[in-house]
Amino acid sequence: MHYQYHCACCNKVLASSDKECSECGSHNIRSPYGFWIFCILSCLAVAILFKSVQVYLQQHDTEATTQLNIFEVLKQDDKN
């Protein structure tokens, strides 16, 4: 599969060395790699978000288990 550059205005196939479209004169040339870069960055962002939520929930669970409720405090006072 051969990736090709395209003109943003008329969608004509261009070479990678072309600086402007020979048909319409546009300087807007679309790269064939833009979509793939977007996909990779999106997946990376989702992975970072997922891991940060996982770490947050794990940290939140450990904080909840270390806190004493009022009944445990009263039991400790009764033993002393």
PDB file of N, CA and C in Angstrom:
ATOM      1  N   MET A   1       0.848  -1.171   0.000  1.00  0.00           N
ATOM      2  CA  MET A   1       0.000   0.000   0.000  1.00  0.00           C
ATOM      3  C   MET A   1       0.894   1.233   0.000  1.00  0.00           C
ATOM      4  N   HIS A   2       0.693   2.102  -0.935  1.00  0.00           N
ATOM      5  CA  HIS A   2       1.519   3.288  -1.090  1.00  0.00           C
ATOM      6  C   HIS A   2       0.748   4.511  -0.608  1.00  0.00           C
ATOM      7  N   TYR A   3       1.321   5.214   0.377  1.00  0.00           N
ATOM      8  CA  TYR A   3       0.677   6.412   0.894  1.00  0.00           C
ATOM      9  C   TYR A   3       0.986   7.590  -0.011  1.00  0.00           C
ATOM     10  N   GLN A   4      -0.021   8.428  -0.242  1.00  0.00           N
ATOM     11  CA  GLN A   4       0.139   9.549  -1.163  1.00  0.00           C
ATOM     12  C   GLN A   4      -0.285  10.843  -0.491  1.00  0.00           C
ATOM     13  N   TYR A   5       0.372  11.922  -0.894  1.00  0.00           N
ATOM     14  CA  TYR A   5      -0.006  13.252  -0.454  1.00  0.00           C
ATOM     15  C   TYR A   5      -1.112  13.762  -1.373  1.00  0.00           C
ATOM     16  N   HIS A   6      -2.045  14.543  -0.811  1.00  0.00           N
ATOM     17  CA  HIS A   6      -3.170  15.069  -1.590  1.00  0.00           C
ATOM     18  C   HIS A   6      -3.291  16.568  -1.364  1.00  0.00           C
ATOM     19  N   CYS A   7      -3.797  17.248  -2.381  1.00  0.00           N
ATOM     20  CA  CYS A   7      -4.116  18.667  -2.267  1.00  0.00           C
ATOM     21  C   CYS A   7      -5.383  18.790  -1.418  1.00  0.00           C
ATOM     22  N   ALA A   8      -5.395  19.762  -0.513  1.00  0.00           N
ATOM     23  CA  ALA A   8      -6.549  19.932   0.366  1.00  0.00           C
ATOM     24  C   ALA A   8      -7.742  20.535  -0.361  1.00  0.00           C
ATOM     25  N   CYS A   9      -7.502  21.245  -1.467  1.00  0.00           N
ATOM     26  CA  CYS A   9      -8.597  21.889  -2.200  1.00  0.00           C
ATOM     27  C   CYS A   9      -9.234  20.965  -3.229  1.00  0.00           C
ATOM     28  N   CYS A  10      -8.405  20.431  -4.119  1.00  0.00           N
ATOM     29  CA  CYS A  10      -8.966  19.657  -5.237  1.00  0.00           C
ATOM     30  C   CYS A  10      -8.734  18.157  -5.110  1.00  0.00           C
ATOM     31  N   ASN A  11      -8.056  17.717  -4.045  1.00  0.00           N
ATOM     32  CA  ASN A  11      -7.802  16.310  -3.760  1.00  0.00           C
ATOM     33  C   ASN A  11      -6.954  15.618  -4.830  1.00  0.00           C
ATOM     34  N   LYS A  12      -6.136  16.370  -5.532  1.00  0.00           N
ATOM     35  CA  LYS A  12      -5.243  15.804  -6.539  1.00  0.00           C
ATOM     36  C   LYS A  12      -4.053  15.146  -5.844  1.00  0.00           C
ATOM     37  N   VAL A  13      -3.599  14.008  -6.365  1.00  0.00           N
ATOM     38  CA  VAL A  13      -2.449  13.307  -5.809  1.00  0.00           C
ATOM     39  C   VAL A  13      -1.188  14.086  -6.156  1.00  0.00           C
ATOM     40  N   LEU A  14      -0.343  14.302  -5.122  1.00  0.00           N
ATOM     41  CA  LEU A  14       0.885  15.062  -5.304  1.00  0.00           C
ATOM     42  C   LEU A  14       2.083  14.253  -4.822  1.00  0.00           C
ATOM     43  N   ALA A  15       3.255  14.629  -5.294  1.00  0.00           N
ATOM     44  CA  ALA A  15       4.488  14.013  -4.813  1.00  0.00           C
ATOM     45  C   ALA A  15       4.856  14.635  -3.469  1.00  0.00           C
ATOM     46  N   SER A  16       5.683  13.938  -2.709  1.00  0.00           N
ATOM     47  CA  SER A  16       6.067  14.448  -1.393  1.00  0.00           C
ATOM     48  C   SER A  16       6.953  15.685  -1.490  1.00  0.00           C
ATOM     49  N   SER A  17       7.577  15.897  -2.627  1.00  0.00           N
ATOM     50  CA  SER A  17       8.460  17.058  -2.792  1.00  0.00           C
ATOM     51  C   SER A  17       7.722  18.296  -3.293  1.00  0.00           C
ATOM     52  N   ASP A  18       6.462  18.165  -3.710  1.00  0.00           N
ATOM     53  CA  ASP A  18       5.699  19.311  -4.219  1.00  0.00           C
ATOM     54  C   ASP A  18       5.360  20.269  -3.087  1.00  0.00           C
ATOM     55  N   LYS A  19       5.524  21.549  -3.367  1.00  0.00           N
ATOM     56  CA  LYS A  19       5.207  22.580  -2.374  1.00  0.00           C
ATOM     57  C   LYS A  19       3.845  23.215  -2.623  1.00  0.00           C
ATOM     58  N   GLU A  20       3.330  23.085  -3.850  1.00  0.00           N
ATOM     59  CA  GLU A  20       2.007  23.606  -4.173  1.00  0.00           C
ATOM     60  C   GLU A  20       1.369  22.714  -5.227  1.00  0.00           C
ATOM     61  N   CYS A  21       0.062  22.789  -5.321  1.00  0.00           N
ATOM     62  CA  CYS A  21      -0.686  21.990  -6.285  1.00  0.00           C
ATOM     63  C   CYS A  21      -0.539  22.602  -7.669  1.00  0.00           C
ATOM     64  N   SER A  22      -0.244  21.770  -8.651  1.00  0.00           N
ATOM     65  CA  SER A  22      -0.084  22.271 -10.019  1.00  0.00           C
ATOM     66  C   SER A  22      -1.425  22.584 -10.675  1.00  0.00           C
ATOM     67  N   GLU A  23      -2.510  22.038 -10.142  1.00  0.00           N
ATOM     68  CA  GLU A  23      -3.825  22.260 -10.731  1.00  0.00           C
ATOM     69  C   GLU A  23      -4.499  23.528 -10.203  1.00  0.00           C
ATOM     70  N   CYS A  24      -4.514  23.723  -8.882  1.00  0.00           N
ATOM     71  CA  CYS A  24      -5.222  24.875  -8.310  1.00  0.00           C
ATOM     72  C   CYS A  24      -4.289  25.890  -7.646  1.00  0.00           C
ATOM     73  N   GLY A  25      -3.018  25.540  -7.449  1.00  0.00           N
ATOM     74  CA  GLY A  25      -2.060  26.462  -6.857  1.00  0.00           C
ATOM     75  C   GLY A  25      -2.105  26.537  -5.340  1.00  0.00           C
ATOM     76  N   SER A  26      -2.840  25.655  -4.705  1.00  0.00           N
ATOM     77  CA  SER A  26      -2.968  25.665  -3.252  1.00  0.00           C
ATOM     78  C   SER A  26      -1.675  25.182  -2.598  1.00  0.00           C
ATOM     79  N   HIS A  27      -1.375  25.763  -1.445  1.00  0.00           N
ATOM     80  CA  HIS A  27      -0.216  25.336  -0.663  1.00  0.00           C
ATOM     81  C   HIS A  27      -0.615  24.387   0.468  1.00  0.00           C
ATOM     82  N   ASN A  28      -1.886  24.089   0.565  1.00  0.00           N
ATOM     83  CA  ASN A  28      -2.384  23.176   1.596  1.00  0.00           C
ATOM     84  C   ASN A  28      -2.289  21.746   1.097  1.00  0.00           C
ATOM     85  N   ILE A  29      -1.296  21.029   1.602  1.00  0.00           N
ATOM     86  CA  ILE A  29      -1.079  19.648   1.188  1.00  0.00           C
ATOM     87  C   ILE A  29      -1.302  18.753   2.396  1.00  0.00           C
ATOM     88  N   ARG A  30      -2.186  17.778   2.234  1.00  0.00           N
ATOM     89  CA  ARG A  30      -2.505  16.859   3.324  1.00  0.00           C
ATOM     90  C   ARG A  30      -1.513  15.703   3.347  1.00  0.00           C
ATOM     91  N   SER A  31      -0.994  15.435   4.528  1.00  0.00           N
ATOM     92  CA  SER A  31      -0.055  14.340   4.721  1.00  0.00           C
ATOM     93  C   SER A  31      -0.816  13.034   4.892  1.00  0.00           C
ATOM     94  N   PRO A  32      -0.279  11.926   4.390  1.00  0.00           N
ATOM     95  CA  PRO A  32      -0.958  10.641   4.587  1.00  0.00           C
ATOM     96  C   PRO A  32      -0.779  10.098   6.005  1.00  0.00           C
ATOM     97  N   TYR A  33       0.080  10.708   6.793  1.00  0.00           N
ATOM     98  CA  TYR A  33       0.361  10.199   8.125  1.00  0.00           C
ATOM     99  C   TYR A  33      -0.415  10.917   9.225  1.00  0.00           C
ATOM    100  N   GLY A  34      -1.167  11.922   8.888  1.00  0.00           N
ATOM    101  CA  GLY A  34      -1.907  12.692   9.883  1.00  0.00           C
ATOM    102  C   GLY A  34      -2.915  11.855  10.653  1.00  0.00           C
ATOM    103  N   PHE A  35      -3.634  10.998   9.953  1.00  0.00           N
ATOM    104  CA  PHE A  35      -4.641  10.159  10.596  1.00  0.00           C
ATOM    105  C   PHE A  35      -3.987   9.171  11.557  1.00  0.00           C
ATOM    106  N   TRP A  36      -2.857   8.591  11.159  1.00  0.00           N
ATOM    107  CA  TRP A  36      -2.181   7.608  12.004  1.00  0.00           C
ATOM    108  C   TRP A  36      -1.599   8.263  13.249  1.00  0.00           C
ATOM    109  N   ILE A  37      -1.067   9.455  13.103  1.00  0.00           N
ATOM    110  CA  ILE A  37      -0.539  10.169  14.259  1.00  0.00           C
ATOM    111  C   ILE A  37      -1.674  10.495  15.225  1.00  0.00           C
ATOM    112  N   PHE A  38      -2.815  10.915  14.694  1.00  0.00           N
ATOM    113  CA  PHE A  38      -3.981  11.187  15.525  1.00  0.00           C
ATOM    114  C   PHE A  38      -4.414   9.933  16.283  1.00  0.00           C
ATOM    115  N   CYS A  39      -4.450   8.786  15.605  1.00  0.00           N
ATOM    116  CA  CYS A  39      -4.860   7.531  16.246  1.00  0.00           C
ATOM    117  C   CYS A  39      -3.894   7.126  17.359  1.00  0.00           C
ATOM    118  N   ILE A  40      -2.605   7.244  17.107  1.00  0.00           N
ATOM    119  CA  ILE A  40      -1.612   6.865  18.108  1.00  0.00           C
ATOM    120  C   ILE A  40      -1.696   7.779  19.322  1.00  0.00           C
ATOM    121  N   LEU A  41      -1.815   9.080  19.100  1.00  0.00           N
ATOM    122  CA  LEU A  41      -1.922  10.014  20.221  1.00  0.00           C
ATOM    123  C   LEU A  41      -3.217   9.822  21.000  1.00  0.00           C
ATOM    124  N   SER A  42      -4.303   9.498  20.299  1.00  0.00           N
ATOM    125  CA  SER A  42      -5.574   9.239  20.990  1.00  0.00           C
ATOM    126  C   SER A  42      -5.477   7.997  21.869  1.00  0.00           C
ATOM    127  N   CYS A  43      -4.879   6.949  21.355  1.00  0.00           N
ATOM    128  CA  CYS A  43      -4.708   5.724  22.152  1.00  0.00           C
ATOM    129  C   CYS A  43      -3.812   5.977  23.357  1.00  0.00           C
ATOM    130  N   LEU A  44      -2.767   6.757  23.171  1.00  0.00           N
ATOM    131  CA  LEU A  44      -1.881   7.096  24.278  1.00  0.00           C
ATOM    132  C   LEU A  44      -2.629   7.895  25.349  1.00  0.00           C
ATOM    133  N   ALA A  45      -3.451   8.840  24.932  1.00  0.00           N
ATOM    134  CA  ALA A  45      -4.228   9.640  25.881  1.00  0.00           C
ATOM    135  C   ALA A  45      -5.223   8.774  26.652  1.00  0.00           C
ATOM    136  N   VAL A  46      -5.864   7.841  25.973  1.00  0.00           N
ATOM    137  CA  VAL A  46      -6.818   6.949  26.645  1.00  0.00           C
ATOM    138  C   VAL A  46      -6.091   6.051  27.630  1.00  0.00           C
ATOM    139  N   ALA A  47      -4.915   5.548  27.274  1.00  0.00           N
ATOM    140  CA  ALA A  47      -4.148   4.689  28.176  1.00  0.00           C
ATOM    141  C   ALA A  47      -3.701   5.458  29.416  1.00  0.00           C
ATOM    142  N   ILE A  48      -3.252   6.697  29.246  1.00  0.00           N
ATOM    143  CA  ILE A  48      -2.835   7.515  30.386  1.00  0.00           C
ATOM    144  C   ILE A  48      -4.026   7.829  31.280  1.00  0.00           C
ATOM    145  N   LEU A  49      -5.159   8.153  30.687  1.00  0.00           N
ATOM    146  CA  LEU A  49      -6.365   8.438  31.462  1.00  0.00           C
ATOM    147  C   LEU A  49      -6.815   7.205  32.247  1.00  0.00           C
ATOM    148  N   PHE A  50      -6.811   6.047  31.602  1.00  0.00           N
ATOM    149  CA  PHE A  50      -7.216   4.806  32.255  1.00  0.00           C
ATOM    150  C   PHE A  50      -6.299   4.493  33.435  1.00  0.00           C
ATOM    151  N   LYS A  51      -5.003   4.630  33.237  1.00  0.00           N
ATOM    152  CA  LYS A  51      -4.048   4.320  34.303  1.00  0.00           C
ATOM    153  C   LYS A  51      -4.166   5.316  35.455  1.00  0.00           C
ATOM    154  N   SER A  52      -4.381   6.595  35.147  1.00  0.00           N
ATOM    155  CA  SER A  52      -4.510   7.577  36.216  1.00  0.00           C
ATOM    156  C   SER A  52      -5.785   7.343  37.029  1.00  0.00           C
ATOM    157  N   VAL A  53      -6.871   6.961  36.391  1.00  0.00           N
ATOM    158  CA  VAL A  53      -8.102   6.630  37.119  1.00  0.00           C
ATOM    159  C   VAL A  53      -7.885   5.392  37.976  1.00  0.00           C
ATOM    160  N   GLN A  54      -7.172   4.413  37.445  1.00  0.00           N
ATOM    161  CA  GLN A  54      -6.889   3.191  38.195  1.00  0.00           C
ATOM    162  C   GLN A  54      -6.044   3.505  39.436  1.00  0.00           C
ATOM    163  N   VAL A  55      -5.023   4.314  39.299  1.00  0.00           N
ATOM    164  CA  VAL A  55      -4.180   4.696  40.436  1.00  0.00           C
ATOM    165  C   VAL A  55      -4.987   5.506  41.450  1.00  0.00           C
ATOM    166  N   TYR A  56      -5.823   6.424  40.964  1.00  0.00           N
ATOM    167  CA  TYR A  56      -6.652   7.224  41.866  1.00  0.00           C
ATOM    168  C   TYR A  56      -7.596   6.338  42.681  1.00  0.00           C
ATOM    169  N   LEU A  57      -8.253   5.393  42.017  1.00  0.00           N
ATOM    170  CA  LEU A  57      -9.181   4.513  42.726  1.00  0.00           C
ATOM    171  C   LEU A  57      -8.452   3.620  43.718  1.00  0.00           C
ATOM    172  N   GLN A  58      -7.275   3.150  43.359  1.00  0.00           N
ATOM    173  CA  GLN A  58      -6.500   2.312  44.265  1.00  0.00           C
ATOM    174  C   GLN A  58      -6.060   3.116  45.487  1.00  0.00           C
ATOM    175  N   GLN A  59      -5.635   4.342  45.282  1.00  0.00           N
ATOM    176  CA  GLN A  59      -5.225   5.201  46.388  1.00  0.00           C
ATOM    177  C   GLN A  59      -6.426   5.548  47.268  1.00  0.00           C
ATOM    178  N   HIS A  60      -7.565   5.786  46.641  1.00  0.00           N
ATOM    179  CA  HIS A  60      -8.772   6.118  47.391  1.00  0.00           C
ATOM    180  C   HIS A  60      -9.221   4.938  48.254  1.00  0.00           C
ATOM    181  N   ASP A  61      -9.089   3.706  47.736  1.00  0.00           N
ATOM    182  CA  ASP A  61      -9.469   2.523  48.504  1.00  0.00           C
ATOM    183  C   ASP A  61      -8.567   2.327  49.715  1.00  0.00           C
ATOM    184  N   THR A  62      -7.267   2.570  49.568  1.00  0.00           N
ATOM    185  CA  THR A  62      -6.364   2.388  50.703  1.00  0.00           C
ATOM    186  C   THR A  62      -6.610   3.442  51.772  1.00  0.00           C
ATOM    187  N   GLU A  63      -6.977   4.652  51.381  1.00  0.00           N
ATOM    188  CA  GLU A  63      -7.298   5.684  52.361  1.00  0.00           C
ATOM    189  C   GLU A  63      -8.572   5.329  53.121  1.00  0.00           C
ATOM    190  N   ALA A  64      -9.541   4.748  52.439  1.00  0.00           N
ATOM    191  CA  ALA A  64     -10.811   4.403  53.080  1.00  0.00           C
ATOM    192  C   ALA A  64     -10.626   3.260  54.070  1.00  0.00           C
ATOM    193  N   THR A  65      -9.721   2.334  53.801  1.00  0.00           N
ATOM    194  CA  THR A  65      -9.541   1.203  54.710  1.00  0.00           C
ATOM    195  C   THR A  65      -8.717   1.580  55.931  1.00  0.00           C
ATOM    196  N   THR A  66      -7.897   2.609  55.848  1.00  0.00           N
ATOM    197  CA  THR A  66      -7.066   2.987  56.988  1.00  0.00           C
ATOM    198  C   THR A  66      -7.796   3.897  57.962  1.00  0.00           C
ATOM    199  N   GLN A  67      -8.906   4.476  57.579  1.00  0.00           N
ATOM    200  CA  GLN A  67      -9.643   5.356  58.464  1.00  0.00           C
ATOM    201  C   GLN A  67     -10.457   4.528  59.458  1.00  0.00           C
ATOM    202  N   LEU A  68     -10.452   4.953  60.696  1.00  0.00           N
ATOM    203  CA  LEU A  68     -11.217   4.264  61.726  1.00  0.00           C
ATOM    204  C   LEU A  68     -12.595   4.891  61.843  1.00  0.00           C
ATOM    205  N   ASN A  69     -13.593   4.048  62.021  1.00  0.00           N
ATOM    206  CA  ASN A  69     -14.915   4.604  62.252  1.00  0.00           C
ATOM    207  C   ASN A  69     -15.123   4.797  63.752  1.00  0.00           C
ATOM    208  N   ILE A  70     -16.229   5.385  64.124  1.00  0.00           N
ATOM    209  CA  ILE A  70     -16.481   5.766  65.516  1.00  0.00           C
ATOM    210  C   ILE A  70     -16.583   4.547  66.434  1.00  0.00           C
ATOM    211  N   PHE A  71     -17.098   3.428  65.933  1.00  0.00           N
ATOM    212  CA  PHE A  71     -17.245   2.235  66.753  1.00  0.00           C
ATOM    213  C   PHE A  71     -15.890   1.618  67.092  1.00  0.00           C
ATOM    214  N   GLU A  72     -14.948   1.648  66.162  1.00  0.00           N
ATOM    215  CA  GLU A  72     -13.610   1.119  66.434  1.00  0.00           C
ATOM    216  C   GLU A  72     -12.884   1.985  67.457  1.00  0.00           C
ATOM    217  N   VAL A  73     -13.081   3.278  67.386  1.00  0.00           N
ATOM    218  CA  VAL A  73     -12.467   4.176  68.359  1.00  0.00           C
ATOM    219  C   VAL A  73     -13.036   3.914  69.745  1.00  0.00           C
ATOM    220  N   LEU A  74     -14.345   3.726  69.836  1.00  0.00           N
ATOM    221  CA  LEU A  74     -14.968   3.449  71.143  1.00  0.00           C
ATOM    222  C   LEU A  74     -14.533   2.110  71.696  1.00  0.00           C
ATOM    223  N   LYS A  75     -14.338   1.106  70.848  1.00  0.00           N
ATOM    224  CA  LYS A  75     -13.863  -0.207  71.315  1.00  0.00           C
ATOM    225  C   LYS A  75     -12.443  -0.095  71.877  1.00  0.00           C
ATOM    226  N   GLN A  76     -11.612   0.693  71.223  1.00  0.00           N
ATOM    227  CA  GLN A  76     -10.231   0.864  71.700  1.00  0.00           C
ATOM    228  C   GLN A  76     -10.224   1.573  73.054  1.00  0.00           C
ATOM    229  N   ASP A  77     -11.124   2.546  73.230  1.00  0.00           N
ATOM    230  CA  ASP A  77     -11.208   3.252  74.500  1.00  0.00           C
ATOM    231  C   ASP A  77     -11.694   2.322  75.623  1.00  0.00           C
ATOM    232  N   ASP A  78     -12.626   1.407  75.295  1.00  0.00           N
ATOM    233  CA  ASP A  78     -13.127   0.460  76.297  1.00  0.00           C
ATOM    234  C   ASP A  78     -12.041  -0.513  76.731  1.00  0.00           C
ATOM    235  N   LYS A  79     -11.188  -0.929  75.837  1.00  0.00           N
ATOM    236  CA  LYS A  79     -10.118  -1.862  76.159  1.00  0.00           C
ATOM    237  C   LYS A  79      -9.074  -1.208  77.054  1.00  0.00           C
ATOM    238  N   ASN A  80      -8.863   0.074  76.866  1.00  0.00           N
ATOM    239  CA  ASN A  80      -7.857   0.775  77.681  1.00  0.00           C
ATOM    240  C   ASN A  80      -8.448   1.127  78.988  1.00  0.00           C
TER     241      ASN A  80
END
